[in-house]
Amino acid sequence: MVQTTTRLPLKPVDYVKWIATAIQLIGYGLTGLNYTPWNIYAFLVGIFLWFAVGFMWKDRAIMVVHVGAFISLTIGYLNAA
């Protein structure tokens, strides 16, 4: 017996979270290659997009962790200059 699965259509939040994930992974790769400040820019975009996902899901935990990440990344970036 062959079991079939149906895929639900993707919602806008699904696109945002996968784009955010890809950008975050690019940021990690740029960090590993020591491409600064491009890694910081990638992380900032990823953080913003993941915050947007938390907002769309009304998930305060996701929003809080990404506000904290934004603050710590920004402070680190400004102190490195």
Protein backbone atom coordinates (compact mmCIF):
# COMPACT_ATOMS: atom_id res chain seq x y z
CA MET A 1 0.00 0.00 0.00
CA VAL A 2 1.37 3.39 -1.00
CA GLN A 3 0.84 6.13 1.48
CA THR A 4 0.45 9.62 0.12
CA THR A 5 0.95 12.82 1.99
CA THR A 6 -0.53 16.14 1.16
CA ARG A 7 1.50 19.25 1.54
CA LEU A 8 -0.17 22.33 2.79
CA PRO A 9 0.56 25.51 0.85
CA LEU A 10 3.37 27.56 2.32
CA LYS A 11 2.44 30.65 4.27
CA PRO A 12 4.40 33.92 4.06
CA VAL A 13 5.95 33.20 7.48
CA ASP A 14 7.37 29.95 6.08
CA TYR A 15 9.25 31.85 3.39
CA VAL A 16 10.53 34.41 5.90
CA LYS A 17 11.81 31.79 8.33
CA TRP A 18 13.68 29.85 5.61
CA ILE A 19 15.20 33.02 4.17
CA ALA A 20 16.20 34.10 7.70
CA THR A 21 17.74 30.69 8.35
CA ALA A 22 19.74 30.82 5.11
CA ILE A 23 21.00 34.32 5.90
CA GLN A 24 22.00 33.28 9.43
CA LEU A 25 23.93 30.32 8.01
CA ILE A 26 25.67 32.65 5.56
CA GLY A 27 26.57 34.85 8.54
CA TYR A 28 28.15 31.86 10.30
CA GLY A 29 30.09 31.01 7.16
CA LEU A 30 31.31 34.59 6.79
CA THR A 31 32.40 34.54 10.43
CA GLY A 32 34.35 31.33 9.83
CA LEU A 33 36.04 32.96 6.84
CA ASN A 34 36.73 36.11 8.92
CA TYR A 35 34.78 38.36 6.54
CA THR A 36 33.99 41.24 8.82
CA PRO A 37 31.88 43.36 8.83
CA TRP A 38 29.87 41.37 6.23
CA ASN A 39 29.17 38.65 8.77
CA ILE A 40 27.67 41.25 11.12
CA TYR A 41 25.46 42.61 8.35
CA ALA A 42 24.20 39.11 7.54
CA PHE A 43 23.49 38.44 11.21
CA LEU A 44 21.62 41.73 11.57
CA VAL A 45 19.38 40.89 8.61
CA GLY A 46 18.80 37.38 9.95
CA ILE A 47 17.99 38.71 13.41
CA PHE A 48 15.51 41.19 11.97
CA LEU A 49 13.81 38.49 9.89
CA TRP A 50 13.60 36.06 12.80
CA PHE A 51 12.12 38.83 14.93
CA ALA A 52 9.53 39.29 12.17
CA VAL A 53 8.76 35.55 12.33
CA GLY A 54 8.23 35.82 16.08
CA PHE A 55 5.93 38.77 15.49
CA MET A 56 3.92 36.89 12.85
CA TRP A 57 3.60 33.90 15.16
CA LYS A 58 2.94 36.14 18.19
CA ASP A 59 5.79 34.29 19.89
CA ARG A 60 7.36 36.59 22.46
CA ALA A 61 10.21 34.19 23.23
CA ILE A 62 11.49 34.36 19.66
CA MET A 63 11.15 38.15 19.66
CA VAL A 64 12.96 38.56 23.01
CA VAL A 65 15.90 36.34 22.10
CA HIS A 66 16.41 38.23 18.85
CA VAL A 67 16.17 41.64 20.51
CA GLY A 68 18.86 40.41 22.92
CA ALA A 69 20.96 39.15 20.01
CA PHE A 70 20.57 42.50 18.23
CA ILE A 71 21.62 44.45 21.30
CA SER A 72 24.65 42.28 22.04
CA LEU A 73 25.75 42.20 18.39
CA THR A 74 25.38 45.98 18.07
CA ILE A 75 27.32 46.65 21.29
CA GLY A 76 30.08 44.28 20.20
CA TYR A 77 30.26 45.87 16.77
CA LEU A 78 30.42 49.40 18.16
CA ASN A 79 33.10 48.45 20.72
CA ALA A 80 35.23 46.82 18.03
CA ALA A 81 35.40 50.00 15.96
